[in-house]
Amino acid sequence: MATFVLLTSLSILVIAFICSSTMRVLDETPIDPNDPEVVKIAKFAVDERNKQVRTKFELEKVNAGGTETIPDGTVYQLNISVIESEVYFTTRLVAVLVHPDGSKELMSFD
């Protein structure tokens, strides 16, 4: 009986976690991948990555993404295509925080 209660409680916690994670994604506002400001932010992410690890990525295009407002500013979560070595295309997921003063910070580049 104790095992049943433990497993039931664990199942409820897992379901609650999944629901809360899903709700967090739903807070994201979709972006227009062709918006010049979004493209500028994507280029910033590529340039910062190139500086950090000495790669030679070039932004091909912004595929999709969204924004989420947090106390520190607006987080842009973007799915982008980049060119490596002039012929190799890859898709990357990036997150850029744009602070209220307009400064940008690369949070992730995967």
PDB file of N, CA and C in Angstrom:
ATOM      1  N   MET A   1       0.828  -1.197   0.000  1.00  0.00           N
ATOM      2  CA  MET A   1       0.000   0.000   0.000  1.00  0.00           C
ATOM      3  C   MET A   1       0.870   1.259   0.000  1.00  0.00           C
ATOM      4  N   ALA A   2       1.934   1.258   0.803  1.00  0.00           N
ATOM      5  CA  ALA A   2       2.819   2.424   0.868  1.00  0.00           C
ATOM      6  C   ALA A   2       3.487   2.664  -0.480  1.00  0.00           C
ATOM      7  N   THR A   3       3.826   1.585  -1.175  1.00  0.00           N
ATOM      8  CA  THR A   3       4.440   1.716  -2.502  1.00  0.00           C
ATOM      9  C   THR A   3       3.457   2.359  -3.473  1.00  0.00           C
ATOM     10  N   PHE A   4       2.199   1.966  -3.408  1.00  0.00           N
ATOM     11  CA  PHE A   4       1.172   2.536  -4.279  1.00  0.00           C
ATOM     12  C   PHE A   4       1.030   4.036  -4.034  1.00  0.00           C
ATOM     13  N   VAL A   5       0.978   4.448  -2.789  1.00  0.00           N
ATOM     14  CA  VAL A   5       0.854   5.863  -2.444  1.00  0.00           C
ATOM     15  C   VAL A   5       2.076   6.636  -2.929  1.00  0.00           C
ATOM     16  N   LEU A   6       3.252   6.061  -2.756  1.00  0.00           N
ATOM     17  CA  LEU A   6       4.485   6.708  -3.199  1.00  0.00           C
ATOM     18  C   LEU A   6       4.495   6.878  -4.718  1.00  0.00           C
ATOM     19  N   LEU A   7       4.143   5.831  -5.446  1.00  0.00           N
ATOM     20  CA  LEU A   7       4.115   5.909  -6.910  1.00  0.00           C
ATOM     21  C   LEU A   7       3.051   6.888  -7.400  1.00  0.00           C
ATOM     22  N   THR A   8       1.910   6.908  -6.761  1.00  0.00           N
ATOM     23  CA  THR A   8       0.856   7.850  -7.135  1.00  0.00           C
ATOM     24  C   THR A   8       1.311   9.284  -6.899  1.00  0.00           C
ATOM     25  N   SER A   9       1.933   9.531  -5.763  1.00  0.00           N
ATOM     26  CA  SER A   9       2.437  10.877  -5.460  1.00  0.00           C
ATOM     27  C   SER A   9       3.500  11.302  -6.463  1.00  0.00           C
ATOM     28  N   LEU A  10       4.390  10.389  -6.793  1.00  0.00           N
ATOM     29  CA  LEU A  10       5.437  10.686  -7.768  1.00  0.00           C
ATOM     30  C   LEU A  10       4.834  10.988  -9.138  1.00  0.00           C
ATOM     31  N   SER A  11       3.830  10.230  -9.532  1.00  0.00           N
ATOM     32  CA  SER A  11       3.159  10.466 -10.814  1.00  0.00           C
ATOM     33  C   SER A  11       2.515  11.842 -10.854  1.00  0.00           C
ATOM     34  N   ILE A  12       1.891  12.231  -9.775  1.00  0.00           N
ATOM     35  CA  ILE A  12       1.252  13.553  -9.707  1.00  0.00           C
ATOM     36  C   ILE A  12       2.299  14.654  -9.827  1.00  0.00           C
ATOM     37  N   LEU A  13       3.436  14.488  -9.162  1.00  0.00           N
ATOM     38  CA  LEU A  13       4.509  15.485  -9.257  1.00  0.00           C
ATOM     39  C   LEU A  13       5.054  15.593 -10.678  1.00  0.00           C
ATOM     40  N   VAL A  14       5.238  14.467 -11.342  1.00  0.00           N
ATOM     41  CA  VAL A  14       5.739  14.481 -12.720  1.00  0.00           C
ATOM     42  C   VAL A  14       4.746  15.182 -13.634  1.00  0.00           C
ATOM     43  N   ILE A  15       3.472  14.881 -13.504  1.00  0.00           N
ATOM     44  CA  ILE A  15       2.446  15.528 -14.328  1.00  0.00           C
ATOM     45  C   ILE A  15       2.411  17.024 -14.053  1.00  0.00           C
ATOM     46  N   ALA A  16       2.514  17.422 -12.801  1.00  0.00           N
ATOM     47  CA  ALA A  16       2.520  18.852 -12.462  1.00  0.00           C
ATOM     48  C   ALA A  16       3.722  19.550 -13.076  1.00  0.00           C
ATOM     49  N   PHE A  17       4.883  18.902 -13.047  1.00  0.00           N
ATOM     50  CA  PHE A  17       6.087  19.488 -13.642  1.00  0.00           C
ATOM     51  C   PHE A  17       5.922  19.655 -15.146  1.00  0.00           C
ATOM     52  N   ILE A  18       5.399  18.637 -15.814  1.00  0.00           N
ATOM     53  CA  ILE A  18       5.197  18.716 -17.265  1.00  0.00           C
ATOM     54  C   ILE A  18       4.220  19.831 -17.600  1.00  0.00           C
ATOM     55  N   CYS A  19       3.141  19.937 -16.848  1.00  0.00           N
ATOM     56  CA  CYS A  19       2.155  21.000 -17.100  1.00  0.00           C
ATOM     57  C   CYS A  19       2.765  22.376 -16.878  1.00  0.00           C
ATOM     58  N   SER A  20       3.551  22.541 -15.839  1.00  0.00           N
ATOM     59  CA  SER A  20       4.150  23.853 -15.581  1.00  0.00           C
ATOM     60  C   SER A  20       5.177  24.191 -16.652  1.00  0.00           C
ATOM     61  N   SER A  21       5.914  23.212 -17.156  1.00  0.00           N
ATOM     62  CA  SER A  21       6.876  23.455 -18.238  1.00  0.00           C
ATOM     63  C   SER A  21       6.153  23.845 -19.510  1.00  0.00           C
ATOM     64  N   THR A  22       5.038  23.196 -19.787  1.00  0.00           N
ATOM     65  CA  THR A  22       4.249  23.527 -20.970  1.00  0.00           C
ATOM     66  C   THR A  22       3.704  24.938 -20.860  1.00  0.00           C
ATOM     67  N   MET A  23       3.246  25.328 -19.707  1.00  0.00           N
ATOM     68  CA  MET A  23       2.708  26.678 -19.531  1.00  0.00           C
ATOM     69  C   MET A  23       3.802  27.716 -19.747  1.00  0.00           C
ATOM     70  N   ARG A  24       5.016  27.424 -19.354  1.00  0.00           N
ATOM     71  CA  ARG A  24       6.117  28.369 -19.533  1.00  0.00           C
ATOM     72  C   ARG A  24       6.353  28.625 -21.012  1.00  0.00           C
ATOM     73  N   VAL A  25       6.305  27.579 -21.832  1.00  0.00           N
ATOM     74  CA  VAL A  25       6.480  27.749 -23.271  1.00  0.00           C
ATOM     75  C   VAL A  25       5.345  28.590 -23.839  1.00  0.00           C
ATOM     76  N   LEU A  26       4.145  28.427 -23.307  1.00  0.00           N
ATOM     77  CA  LEU A  26       3.001  29.170 -23.819  1.00  0.00           C
ATOM     78  C   LEU A  26       3.097  30.660 -23.513  1.00  0.00           C
ATOM     79  N   ASP A  27       3.966  31.075 -22.573  1.00  0.00           N
ATOM     80  CA  ASP A  27       4.153  32.487 -22.263  1.00  0.00           C
ATOM     81  C   ASP A  27       4.958  33.203 -23.339  1.00  0.00           C
ATOM     82  N   GLU A  28       5.597  32.456 -24.212  1.00  0.00           N
ATOM     83  CA  GLU A  28       6.457  33.022 -25.242  1.00  0.00           C
ATOM     84  C   GLU A  28       5.611  33.660 -26.346  1.00  0.00           C
ATOM     85  N   THR A  29       6.031  34.859 -26.776  1.00  0.00           N
ATOM     86  CA  THR A  29       5.353  35.558 -27.864  1.00  0.00           C
ATOM     87  C   THR A  29       6.085  35.262 -29.167  1.00  0.00           C
ATOM     88  N   PRO A  30       5.391  34.752 -30.195  1.00  0.00           N
ATOM     89  CA  PRO A  30       6.050  34.443 -31.464  1.00  0.00           C
ATOM     90  C   PRO A  30       6.634  35.696 -32.120  1.00  0.00           C
ATOM     91  N   ILE A  31       7.684  35.509 -32.917  1.00  0.00           N
ATOM     92  CA  ILE A  31       8.322  36.620 -33.622  1.00  0.00           C
ATOM     93  C   ILE A  31       8.136  36.436 -35.128  1.00  0.00           C
ATOM     94  N   ASP A  32       8.352  37.519 -35.868  1.00  0.00           N
ATOM     95  CA  ASP A  32       8.395  37.468 -37.327  1.00  0.00           C
ATOM     96  C   ASP A  32       9.853  37.236 -37.708  1.00  0.00           C
ATOM     97  N   PRO A  33      10.190  36.087 -38.322  1.00  0.00           N
ATOM     98  CA  PRO A  33      11.587  35.805 -38.632  1.00  0.00           C
ATOM     99  C   PRO A  33      12.219  36.795 -39.611  1.00  0.00           C
ATOM    100  N   ASN A  34      11.400  37.555 -40.319  1.00  0.00           N
ATOM    101  CA  ASN A  34      11.920  38.529 -41.282  1.00  0.00           C
ATOM    102  C   ASN A  34      12.013  39.942 -40.718  1.00  0.00           C
ATOM    103  N   ASP A  35      11.589  40.133 -39.477  1.00  0.00           N
ATOM    104  CA  ASP A  35      11.657  41.447 -38.842  1.00  0.00           C
ATOM    105  C   ASP A  35      13.127  41.869 -38.752  1.00  0.00           C
ATOM    106  N   PRO A  36      13.476  43.053 -39.275  1.00  0.00           N
ATOM    107  CA  PRO A  36      14.874  43.499 -39.254  1.00  0.00           C
ATOM    108  C   PRO A  36      15.496  43.506 -37.858  1.00  0.00           C
ATOM    109  N   GLU A  37      14.724  43.819 -36.840  1.00  0.00           N
ATOM    110  CA  GLU A  37      15.254  43.824 -35.468  1.00  0.00           C
ATOM    111  C   GLU A  37      15.607  42.403 -35.022  1.00  0.00           C
ATOM    112  N   VAL A  38      14.774  41.438 -35.381  1.00  0.00           N
ATOM    113  CA  VAL A  38      15.033  40.036 -35.037  1.00  0.00           C
ATOM    114  C   VAL A  38      16.281  39.542 -35.769  1.00  0.00           C
ATOM    115  N   VAL A  39      16.411  39.886 -37.043  1.00  0.00           N
ATOM    116  CA  VAL A  39      17.589  39.494 -37.824  1.00  0.00           C
ATOM    117  C   VAL A  39      18.848  40.112 -37.219  1.00  0.00           C
ATOM    118  N   LYS A  40      18.737  41.358 -36.776  1.00  0.00           N
ATOM    119  CA  LYS A  40      19.870  42.043 -36.141  1.00  0.00           C
ATOM    120  C   LYS A  40      20.302  41.311 -34.862  1.00  0.00           C
ATOM    121  N   ILE A  41      19.343  40.858 -34.075  1.00  0.00           N
ATOM    122  CA  ILE A  41      19.639  40.125 -32.842  1.00  0.00           C
ATOM    123  C   ILE A  41      20.276  38.773 -33.172  1.00  0.00           C
ATOM    124  N   ALA A  42      19.792  38.113 -34.214  1.00  0.00           N
ATOM    125  CA  ALA A  42      20.386  36.837 -34.636  1.00  0.00           C
ATOM    126  C   ALA A  42      21.827  37.044 -35.102  1.00  0.00           C
ATOM    127  N   LYS A  43      22.071  38.120 -35.842  1.00  0.00           N
ATOM    128  CA  LYS A  43      23.441  38.419 -36.287  1.00  0.00           C
ATOM    129  C   LYS A  43      24.347  38.685 -35.083  1.00  0.00           C
ATOM    130  N   PHE A  44      23.816  39.371 -34.082  1.00  0.00           N
ATOM    131  CA  PHE A  44      24.577  39.596 -32.851  1.00  0.00           C
ATOM    132  C   PHE A  44      24.986  38.257 -32.234  1.00  0.00           C
ATOM    133  N   ALA A  45      24.032  37.316 -32.161  1.00  0.00           N
ATOM    134  CA  ALA A  45      24.320  36.007 -31.564  1.00  0.00           C
ATOM    135  C   ALA A  45      25.436  35.292 -32.324  1.00  0.00           C
ATOM    136  N   VAL A  46      25.378  35.327 -33.647  1.00  0.00           N
ATOM    137  CA  VAL A  46      26.399  34.668 -34.466  1.00  0.00           C
ATOM    138  C   VAL A  46      27.752  35.351 -34.277  1.00  0.00           C
ATOM    139  N   ASP A  47      27.768  36.672 -34.303  1.00  0.00           N
ATOM    140  CA  ASP A  47      29.025  37.413 -34.120  1.00  0.00           C
ATOM    141  C   ASP A  47      29.650  37.135 -32.754  1.00  0.00           C
ATOM    142  N   GLU A  48      28.817  37.111 -31.705  1.00  0.00           N
ATOM    143  CA  GLU A  48      29.325  36.830 -30.359  1.00  0.00           C
ATOM    144  C   GLU A  48      29.894  35.419 -30.271  1.00  0.00           C
ATOM    145  N   ARG A  49      29.202  34.467 -30.875  1.00  0.00           N
ATOM    146  CA  ARG A  49      29.688  33.081 -30.860  1.00  0.00           C
ATOM    147  C   ARG A  49      31.033  32.985 -31.586  1.00  0.00           C
ATOM    148  N   ASN A  50      31.134  33.672 -32.724  1.00  0.00           N
ATOM    149  CA  ASN A  50      32.392  33.663 -33.470  1.00  0.00           C
ATOM    150  C   ASN A  50      33.538  34.232 -32.639  1.00  0.00           C
ATOM    151  N   LYS A  51      33.260  35.270 -31.854  1.00  0.00           N
ATOM    152  CA  LYS A  51      34.289  35.859 -30.988  1.00  0.00           C
ATOM    153  C   LYS A  51      34.686  34.905 -29.865  1.00  0.00           C
ATOM    154  N   GLN A  52      33.687  34.252 -29.275  1.00  0.00           N
ATOM    155  CA  GLN A  52      33.930  33.408 -28.101  1.00  0.00           C
ATOM    156  C   GLN A  52      34.746  32.161 -28.418  1.00  0.00           C
ATOM    157  N   VAL A  53      34.437  31.508 -29.520  1.00  0.00           N
ATOM    158  CA  VAL A  53      35.101  30.226 -29.806  1.00  0.00           C
ATOM    159  C   VAL A  53      35.807  30.209 -31.160  1.00  0.00           C
ATOM    160  N   ARG A  54      35.981  31.376 -31.730  1.00  0.00           N
ATOM    161  CA  ARG A  54      36.714  31.537 -32.992  1.00  0.00           C
ATOM    162  C   ARG A  54      36.182  30.646 -34.109  1.00  0.00           C
ATOM    163  N   THR A  55      34.861  30.626 -34.252  1.00  0.00           N
ATOM    164  CA  THR A  55      34.240  29.941 -35.381  1.00  0.00           C
ATOM    165  C   THR A  55      34.057  30.946 -36.506  1.00  0.00           C
ATOM    166  N   LYS A  56      33.597  30.464 -37.633  1.00  0.00           N
ATOM    167  CA  LYS A  56      33.348  31.348 -38.775  1.00  0.00           C
ATOM    168  C   LYS A  56      31.929  31.135 -39.297  1.00  0.00           C
ATOM    169  N   PHE A  57      30.977  31.149 -38.370  1.00  0.00           N
ATOM    170  CA  PHE A  57      29.583  31.019 -38.770  1.00  0.00           C
ATOM    171  C   PHE A  57      29.133  32.281 -39.491  1.00  0.00           C
ATOM    172  N   GLU A  58      28.220  32.092 -40.451  1.00  0.00           N
ATOM    173  CA  GLU A  58      27.541  33.215 -41.090  1.00  0.00           C
ATOM    174  C   GLU A  58      26.048  32.948 -40.978  1.00  0.00           C
ATOM    175  N   LEU A  59      25.294  33.962 -40.614  1.00  0.00           N
ATOM    176  CA  LEU A  59      23.849  33.802 -40.505  1.00  0.00           C
ATOM    177  C   LEU A  59      23.252  33.619 -41.892  1.00  0.00           C
ATOM    178  N   GLU A  60      22.507  32.543 -42.070  1.00  0.00           N
ATOM    179  CA  GLU A  60      21.778  32.307 -43.318  1.00  0.00           C
ATOM    180  C   GLU A  60      20.383  32.909 -43.207  1.00  0.00           C
ATOM    181  N   LYS A  61      19.653  32.521 -42.127  1.00  0.00           N
ATOM    182  CA  LYS A  61      18.315  33.074 -41.913  1.00  0.00           C
ATOM    183  C   LYS A  61      17.811  32.729 -40.520  1.00  0.00           C
ATOM    184  N   VAL A  62      16.789  33.461 -40.119  1.00  0.00           N
ATOM    185  CA  VAL A  62      16.064  33.157 -38.883  1.00  0.00           C
ATOM    186  C   VAL A  62      14.879  32.296 -39.298  1.00  0.00           C
ATOM    187  N   ASN A  63      14.752  31.124 -38.713  1.00  0.00           N
ATOM    188  CA  ASN A  63      13.669  30.205 -39.072  1.00  0.00           C
ATOM    189  C   ASN A  63      12.400  30.463 -38.264  1.00  0.00           C
ATOM    190  N   ALA A  64      12.561  30.660 -36.979  1.00  0.00           N
ATOM    191  CA  ALA A  64      11.418  30.835 -36.081  1.00  0.00           C
ATOM    192  C   ALA A  64      11.933  31.313 -34.736  1.00  0.00           C
ATOM    193  N   GLY A  65      11.013  31.585 -33.837  1.00  0.00           N
ATOM    194  CA  GLY A  65      11.425  31.974 -32.493  1.00  0.00           C
ATOM    195  C   GLY A  65      10.327  32.676 -31.736  1.00  0.00           C
ATOM    196  N   GLY A  66      10.717  33.167 -30.582  1.00  0.00           N
ATOM    197  CA  GLY A  66       9.769  33.867 -29.745  1.00  0.00           C
ATOM    198  C   GLY A  66      10.500  34.715 -28.724  1.00  0.00           C
ATOM    199  N   THR A  67       9.732  35.533 -28.032  1.00  0.00           N
ATOM    200  CA  THR A  67      10.299  36.381 -26.992  1.00  0.00           C
ATOM    201  C   THR A  67       9.571  36.133 -25.684  1.00  0.00           C
ATOM    202  N   GLU A  68      10.281  36.393 -24.624  1.00  0.00           N
ATOM    203  CA  GLU A  68       9.688  36.326 -23.295  1.00  0.00           C
ATOM    204  C   GLU A  68      10.252  37.476 -22.481  1.00  0.00           C
ATOM    205  N   THR A  69       9.375  38.246 -21.872  1.00  0.00           N
ATOM    206  CA  THR A  69       9.803  39.368 -21.051  1.00  0.00           C
ATOM    207  C   THR A  69      10.077  38.878 -19.635  1.00  0.00           C
ATOM    208  N   ILE A  70      11.261  39.236 -19.138  1.00  0.00           N
ATOM    209  CA  ILE A  70      11.656  38.901 -17.774  1.00  0.00           C
ATOM    210  C   ILE A  70      12.091  40.202 -17.100  1.00  0.00           C
ATOM    211  N   PRO A  71      12.321  40.202 -15.797  1.00  0.00           N
ATOM    212  CA  PRO A  71      12.710  41.448 -15.124  1.00  0.00           C
ATOM    213  C   PRO A  71      13.955  42.121 -15.705  1.00  0.00           C
ATOM    214  N   ASP A  72      14.906  41.336 -16.236  1.00  0.00           N
ATOM    215  CA  ASP A  72      16.142  41.915 -16.777  1.00  0.00           C
ATOM    216  C   ASP A  72      16.006  42.434 -18.201  1.00  0.00           C
ATOM    217  N   GLY A  73      14.905  42.148 -18.865  1.00  0.00           N
ATOM    218  CA  GLY A  73      14.724  42.592 -20.251  1.00  0.00           C
ATOM    219  C   GLY A  73      13.889  41.602 -21.036  1.00  0.00           C
ATOM    220  N   THR A  74      14.202  41.450 -22.320  1.00  0.00           N
ATOM    221  CA  THR A  74      13.471  40.544 -23.200  1.00  0.00           C
ATOM    222  C   THR A  74      14.418  39.469 -23.712  1.00  0.00           C
ATOM    223  N   VAL A  75      14.012  38.217 -23.544  1.00  0.00           N
ATOM    224  CA  VAL A  75      14.806  37.097 -24.042  1.00  0.00           C
ATOM    225  C   VAL A  75      14.259  36.698 -25.409  1.00  0.00           C
ATOM    226  N   TYR A  76      15.143  36.695 -26.401  1.00  0.00           N
ATOM    227  CA  TYR A  76      14.810  36.220 -27.739  1.00  0.00           C
ATOM    228  C   TYR A  76      15.338  34.801 -27.867  1.00  0.00           C
ATOM    229  N   GLN A  77      14.444  33.849 -28.074  1.00  0.00           N
ATOM    230  CA  GLN A  77      14.837  32.463 -28.294  1.00  0.00           C
ATOM    231  C   GLN A  77      14.615  32.186 -29.775  1.00  0.00           C
ATOM    232  N   LEU A  78      15.701  31.986 -30.507  1.00  0.00           N
ATOM    233  CA  LEU A  78      15.629  31.909 -31.959  1.00  0.00           C
ATOM    234  C   LEU A  78      16.166  30.583 -32.480  1.00  0.00           C
ATOM    235  N   ASN A  79      15.512  30.090 -33.516  1.00  0.00           N
ATOM    236  CA  ASN A  79      15.995  28.952 -34.284  1.00  0.00           C
ATOM    237  C   ASN A  79      16.559  29.549 -35.561  1.00  0.00           C
ATOM    238  N   ILE A  80      17.870  29.416 -35.767  1.00  0.00           N
ATOM    239  CA  ILE A  80      18.516  30.052 -36.913  1.00  0.00           C
ATOM    240  C   ILE A  80      19.267  29.016 -37.746  1.00  0.00           C
ATOM    241  N   SER A  81      19.486  29.345 -39.017  1.00  0.00           N
ATOM    242  CA  SER A  81      20.349  28.546 -39.885  1.00  0.00           C
ATOM    243  C   SER A  81      21.625  29.326 -40.105  1.00  0.00           C
ATOM    244  N   VAL A  82      22.751  28.638 -39.977  1.00  0.00           N
ATOM    245  CA  VAL A  82      24.048  29.267 -40.203  1.00  0.00           C
ATOM    246  C   VAL A  82      24.828  28.463 -41.235  1.00  0.00           C
ATOM    247  N   ILE A  83      25.764  29.145 -41.876  1.00  0.00           N
ATOM    248  CA  ILE A  83      26.656  28.504 -42.837  1.00  0.00           C
ATOM    249  C   ILE A  83      28.007  28.328 -42.155  1.00  0.00           C
ATOM    250  N   GLU A  84      28.555  27.139 -42.301  1.00  0.00           N
ATOM    251  CA  GLU A  84      29.906  26.859 -41.826  1.00  0.00           C
ATOM    252  C   GLU A  84      30.739  26.448 -43.034  1.00  0.00           C
ATOM    253  N   SER A  85      31.907  26.985 -43.165  1.00  0.00           N
ATOM    254  CA  SER A  85      32.829  26.616 -44.241  1.00  0.00           C
ATOM    255  C   SER A  85      32.219  26.798 -45.627  1.00  0.00           C
ATOM    256  N   GLU A  86      31.401  27.786 -45.802  1.00  0.00           N
ATOM    257  CA  GLU A  86      30.798  28.202 -47.068  1.00  0.00           C
ATOM    258  C   GLU A  86      29.794  27.227 -47.672  1.00  0.00           C
ATOM    259  N   VAL A  87      29.708  26.009 -47.201  1.00  0.00           N
ATOM    260  CA  VAL A  87      28.775  25.063 -47.809  1.00  0.00           C
ATOM    261  C   VAL A  87      27.935  24.265 -46.814  1.00  0.00           C
ATOM    262  N   TYR A  88      28.349  24.189 -45.598  1.00  0.00           N
ATOM    263  CA  TYR A  88      27.694  23.332 -44.625  1.00  0.00           C
ATOM    264  C   TYR A  88      26.665  24.133 -43.832  1.00  0.00           C
ATOM    265  N   PHE A  89      25.386  23.769 -43.959  1.00  0.00           N
ATOM    266  CA  PHE A  89      24.314  24.462 -43.259  1.00  0.00           C
ATOM    267  C   PHE A  89      23.961  23.709 -41.986  1.00  0.00           C
ATOM    268  N   THR A  90      23.790  24.436 -40.915  1.00  0.00           N
ATOM    269  CA  THR A  90      23.329  23.826 -39.672  1.00  0.00           C
ATOM    270  C   THR A  90      22.268  24.715 -39.047  1.00  0.00           C
ATOM    271  N   THR A  91      21.465  24.099 -38.235  1.00  0.00           N
ATOM    272  CA  THR A  91      20.450  24.834 -37.491  1.00  0.00           C
ATOM    273  C   THR A  91      20.925  24.953 -36.051  1.00  0.00           C
ATOM    274  N   ARG A  92      20.817  26.135 -35.512  1.00  0.00           N
ATOM    275  CA  ARG A  92      21.250  26.400 -34.143  1.00  0.00           C
ATOM    276  C   ARG A  92      20.095  27.018 -33.360  1.00  0.00           C
ATOM    277  N   LEU A  93      20.091  26.765 -32.066  1.00  0.00           N
ATOM    278  CA  LEU A  93      19.139  27.398 -31.164  1.00  0.00           C
ATOM    279  C   LEU A  93      19.912  28.394 -30.323  1.00  0.00           C
ATOM    280  N   VAL A  94      19.472  29.636 -30.339  1.00  0.00           N
ATOM    281  CA  VAL A  94      20.180  30.672 -29.597  1.00  0.00           C
ATOM    282  C   VAL A  94      19.213  31.408 -28.678  1.00  0.00           C
ATOM    283  N   ALA A  95      19.760  31.967 -27.612  1.00  0.00           N
ATOM    284  CA  ALA A  95      18.989  32.818 -26.709  1.00  0.00           C
ATOM    285  C   ALA A  95      19.805  34.077 -26.456  1.00  0.00           C
ATOM    286  N   VAL A  96      19.166  35.214 -26.687  1.00  0.00           N
ATOM    287  CA  VAL A  96      19.806  36.512 -26.490  1.00  0.00           C
ATOM    288  C   VAL A  96      18.928  37.329 -25.559  1.00  0.00           C
ATOM    289  N   LEU A  97      19.540  37.901 -24.533  1.00  0.00           N
ATOM    290  CA  LEU A  97      18.831  38.798 -23.625  1.00  0.00           C
ATOM    291  C   LEU A  97      19.090  40.221 -24.073  1.00  0.00           C
ATOM    292  N   VAL A  98      18.013  40.956 -24.354  1.00  0.00           N
ATOM    293  CA  VAL A  98      18.124  42.374 -24.702  1.00  0.00           C
ATOM    294  C   VAL A  98      17.673  43.158 -23.479  1.00  0.00           C
ATOM    295  N   HIS A  99      18.603  43.877 -22.874  1.00  0.00           N
ATOM    296  CA  HIS A  99      18.321  44.658 -21.674  1.00  0.00           C
ATOM    297  C   HIS A  99      17.519  45.912 -22.034  1.00  0.00           C
ATOM    298  N   PRO A 100      16.824  46.505 -21.061  1.00  0.00           N
ATOM    299  CA  PRO A 100      16.042  47.717 -21.325  1.00  0.00           C
ATOM    300  C   PRO A 100      16.862  48.856 -21.939  1.00  0.00           C
ATOM    301  N   ASP A 101      18.167  48.906 -21.661  1.00  0.00           N
ATOM    302  CA  ASP A 101      19.000  49.972 -22.237  1.00  0.00           C
ATOM    303  C   ASP A 101      19.454  49.655 -23.664  1.00  0.00           C
ATOM    304  N   GLY A 102      19.021  48.496 -24.195  1.00  0.00           N
ATOM    305  CA  GLY A 102      19.359  48.119 -25.562  1.00  0.00           C
ATOM    306  C   GLY A 102      20.584  47.229 -25.684  1.00  0.00           C
ATOM    307  N   SER A 103      21.348  47.072 -24.609  1.00  0.00           N
ATOM    308  CA  SER A 103      22.522  46.200 -24.678  1.00  0.00           C
ATOM    309  C   SER A 103      22.065  44.741 -24.782  1.00  0.00           C
ATOM    310  N   LYS A 104      22.908  43.920 -25.408  1.00  0.00           N
ATOM    311  CA  LYS A 104      22.560  42.526 -25.655  1.00  0.00           C
ATOM    312  C   LYS A 104      23.559  41.604 -24.975  1.00  0.00           C
ATOM    313  N   GLU A 105      23.064  40.421 -24.620  1.00  0.00           N
ATOM    314  CA  GLU A 105      23.895  39.414 -23.956  1.00  0.00           C
ATOM    315  C   GLU A 105      23.544  38.044 -24.534  1.00  0.00           C
ATOM    316  N   LEU A 106      24.535  37.344 -25.076  1.00  0.00           N
ATOM    317  CA  LEU A 106      24.315  35.997 -25.587  1.00  0.00           C
ATOM    318  C   LEU A 106      24.210  35.039 -24.405  1.00  0.00           C
ATOM    319  N   MET A 107      23.062  34.398 -24.272  1.00  0.00           N
ATOM    320  CA  MET A 107      22.838  33.481 -23.152  1.00  0.00           C
ATOM    321  C   MET A 107      23.175  32.040 -23.526  1.00  0.00           C
ATOM    322  N   SER A 108      22.857  31.645 -24.753  1.00  0.00           N
ATOM    323  CA  SER A 108      23.197  30.291 -25.197  1.00  0.00           C
ATOM    324  C   SER A 108      23.270  30.247 -26.713  1.00  0.00           C
ATOM    325  N   PHE A 109      24.034  29.292 -27.197  1.00  0.00           N
ATOM    326  CA  PHE A 109      24.195  29.070 -28.634  1.00  0.00           C
ATOM    327  C   PHE A 109      24.449  27.581 -28.801  1.00  0.00           C
ATOM    328  N   ASP A 110      23.404  26.840 -29.124  1.00  0.00           N
ATOM    329  CA  ASP A 110      23.513  25.375 -29.248  1.00  0.00           C
ATOM    330  C   ASP A 110      23.192  24.937 -30.659  1.00  0.00           C
TER     331      ASP A 110
END
